[in-house]
Amino acid sequence: MTPVHKLGAASPTRRRAALLRFATELGAWAAIGTAFAQLSLPLAIAVVLAAIAVPTVYATPGDKPHALIPVPGWATVAILAVTMVGGVAAAWIAWPWWAATALSALTAASLVAELPRWRWLLTGV
């Protein structure tokens, strides 16, 4: 049996962080797609599909119920950090200032909510 996050999958803190993370990922994917669509629509589709596939395929055991390809905790943190940074950067490139500001604020809130999980992931899981 794999270890379970110390906050527990059903904890309100964990659910709130997961909701913010999911909203941030949706925003990041939309921003990345919009930014890359300015170059090429097929490229935008490929990049967004890759951005969705990577955290789906690579996961830290104990963090998600099913890890198709198990990776250490630092890799999960790196994947999420790249998604967050890429989404915010793409939003400031492709979106109006008010939308980029909204995604930036959502990302900041998600980052704060994710810190306990990230600390747990970086303990060497």
Protein backbone atom coordinates (compact mmCIF):
# COMPACT_ATOMS: atom_id res chain seq x y z
CA MET A 1 0.00 0.00 0.00
CA THR A 2 1.30 3.47 -0.84
CA PRO A 3 1.52 6.20 1.77
CA VAL A 4 -1.32 8.71 1.93
CA HIS A 5 -0.85 12.45 2.26
CA LYS A 6 -0.76 13.42 5.94
CA LEU A 7 -3.74 15.76 5.45
CA GLY A 8 -5.76 12.92 3.96
CA ALA A 9 -7.37 12.98 0.54
CA ALA A 10 -10.74 13.94 2.01
CA SER A 11 -9.54 16.81 4.20
CA PRO A 12 -11.18 20.19 3.48
CA THR A 13 -7.74 21.79 3.18
CA ARG A 14 -6.69 19.25 0.58
CA ARG A 15 -9.97 19.62 -1.38
CA ARG A 16 -9.70 23.43 -1.44
CA ALA A 17 -6.11 23.22 -2.67
CA ALA A 18 -7.12 20.68 -5.32
CA LEU A 19 -9.95 22.92 -6.57
CA LEU A 20 -7.63 25.91 -6.81
CA ARG A 21 -4.98 23.77 -8.54
CA PHE A 22 -7.52 22.48 -11.06
CA ALA A 23 -8.80 25.99 -11.81
CA THR A 24 -5.23 27.20 -12.20
CA GLU A 25 -4.40 24.34 -14.56
CA LEU A 26 -7.49 25.06 -16.67
CA GLY A 27 -6.51 28.73 -16.88
CA ALA A 28 -2.91 27.84 -17.69
CA TRP A 29 -3.95 25.46 -20.45
CA ALA A 30 -6.26 28.09 -21.94
CA ALA A 31 -3.54 30.76 -21.79
CA ILE A 32 -0.89 28.46 -23.24
CA GLY A 33 -3.25 27.42 -26.03
CA THR A 34 -4.11 31.05 -26.81
CA ALA A 35 -0.46 32.10 -26.87
CA PHE A 36 0.65 29.22 -29.10
CA ALA A 37 -2.37 29.63 -31.39
CA GLN A 38 -0.87 32.97 -32.46
CA LEU A 39 1.93 30.91 -34.01
CA SER A 40 0.08 27.80 -35.17
CA LEU A 41 -3.19 26.11 -34.25
CA PRO A 42 -1.79 22.56 -34.57
CA LEU A 43 1.14 23.58 -32.37
CA ALA A 44 -1.25 25.06 -29.80
CA ILE A 45 -3.28 21.85 -29.70
CA ALA A 46 -0.14 19.73 -29.34
CA VAL A 47 1.30 21.86 -26.54
CA VAL A 48 -1.96 21.91 -24.59
CA LEU A 49 -2.38 18.14 -24.98
CA ALA A 50 1.19 17.66 -23.74
CA ALA A 51 0.53 20.00 -20.79
CA ILE A 52 -2.49 17.91 -19.86
CA ALA A 53 -0.84 14.52 -20.47
CA VAL A 54 2.36 15.04 -18.48
CA PRO A 55 0.77 15.42 -15.01
CA THR A 56 -1.72 12.69 -15.89
CA VAL A 57 0.97 10.17 -16.79
CA TYR A 58 3.68 11.10 -14.29
CA ALA A 59 2.62 11.12 -10.64
CA THR A 60 4.09 10.57 -7.21
CA PRO A 61 2.81 7.40 -5.53
CA GLY A 62 0.73 8.30 -2.50
CA ASP A 63 -0.19 11.68 -3.94
CA LYS A 64 -2.59 10.33 -6.55
CA PRO A 65 -4.47 7.04 -6.36
CA HIS A 66 -2.96 5.77 -9.62
CA ALA A 67 0.49 6.69 -10.89
CA LEU A 68 0.96 5.41 -14.44
CA ILE A 69 4.65 6.28 -14.30
CA PRO A 70 5.82 6.88 -10.72
CA VAL A 71 8.12 9.85 -10.18
CA PRO A 72 9.65 11.37 -7.05
CA GLY A 73 7.86 14.24 -5.32
CA TRP A 74 10.22 16.89 -6.67
CA ALA A 75 9.22 15.92 -10.23
CA THR A 76 5.52 16.43 -9.43
CA VAL A 77 6.32 19.84 -7.93
CA ALA A 78 8.42 20.74 -10.99
CA ILE A 79 5.64 19.73 -13.40
CA LEU A 80 3.09 21.85 -11.56
CA ALA A 81 5.49 24.79 -11.22
CA VAL A 82 6.24 24.75 -14.95
CA THR A 83 2.52 24.64 -15.71
CA MET A 84 1.85 27.58 -13.38
CA VAL A 85 4.73 29.73 -14.64
CA GLY A 86 3.97 28.87 -18.27
CA GLY A 87 0.30 29.69 -17.83
CA VAL A 88 0.95 33.07 -16.22
CA ALA A 89 3.61 33.99 -18.81
CA ALA A 90 1.34 32.94 -21.67
CA ALA A 91 -1.57 34.90 -20.19
CA TRP A 92 0.51 38.09 -20.08
CA ILE A 93 1.55 37.49 -23.70
CA ALA A 94 -1.83 36.59 -25.18
CA TRP A 95 -4.59 37.93 -22.93
CA PRO A 96 -5.80 41.40 -21.94
CA TRP A 97 -4.25 42.76 -18.74
CA TRP A 98 -7.35 42.12 -16.62
CA ALA A 99 -7.51 38.43 -17.59
CA ALA A 100 -3.77 37.96 -17.06
CA THR A 101 -4.10 39.64 -13.67
CA ALA A 102 -6.96 37.31 -12.73
CA LEU A 103 -4.97 34.20 -13.68
CA SER A 104 -1.93 35.56 -11.83
CA ALA A 105 -4.02 36.06 -8.68
CA LEU A 106 -5.58 32.60 -9.00
CA THR A 107 -2.13 31.08 -9.46
CA ALA A 108 -0.82 32.88 -6.37
CA ALA A 109 -3.77 31.62 -4.31
CA SER A 110 -3.22 28.11 -5.63
CA LEU A 111 0.47 28.26 -4.80
CA VAL A 112 -0.26 29.28 -1.20
CA ALA A 113 -2.85 26.51 -0.85
CA GLU A 114 -0.45 23.97 -2.38
CA LEU A 115 2.50 24.71 -0.07
CA PRO A 116 1.69 21.96 2.48
CA ARG A 117 1.42 19.41 -0.34
CA TRP A 118 4.60 20.63 -1.96
CA ARG A 119 6.47 20.42 1.35
CA TRP A 120 5.23 16.85 1.73
CA LEU A 121 6.24 15.99 -1.83
CA LEU A 122 9.71 17.48 -1.33
CA THR A 123 10.39 15.43 1.81
CA GLY A 124 11.70 12.70 -0.45
CA VAL A 125 8.60 10.71 -1.28
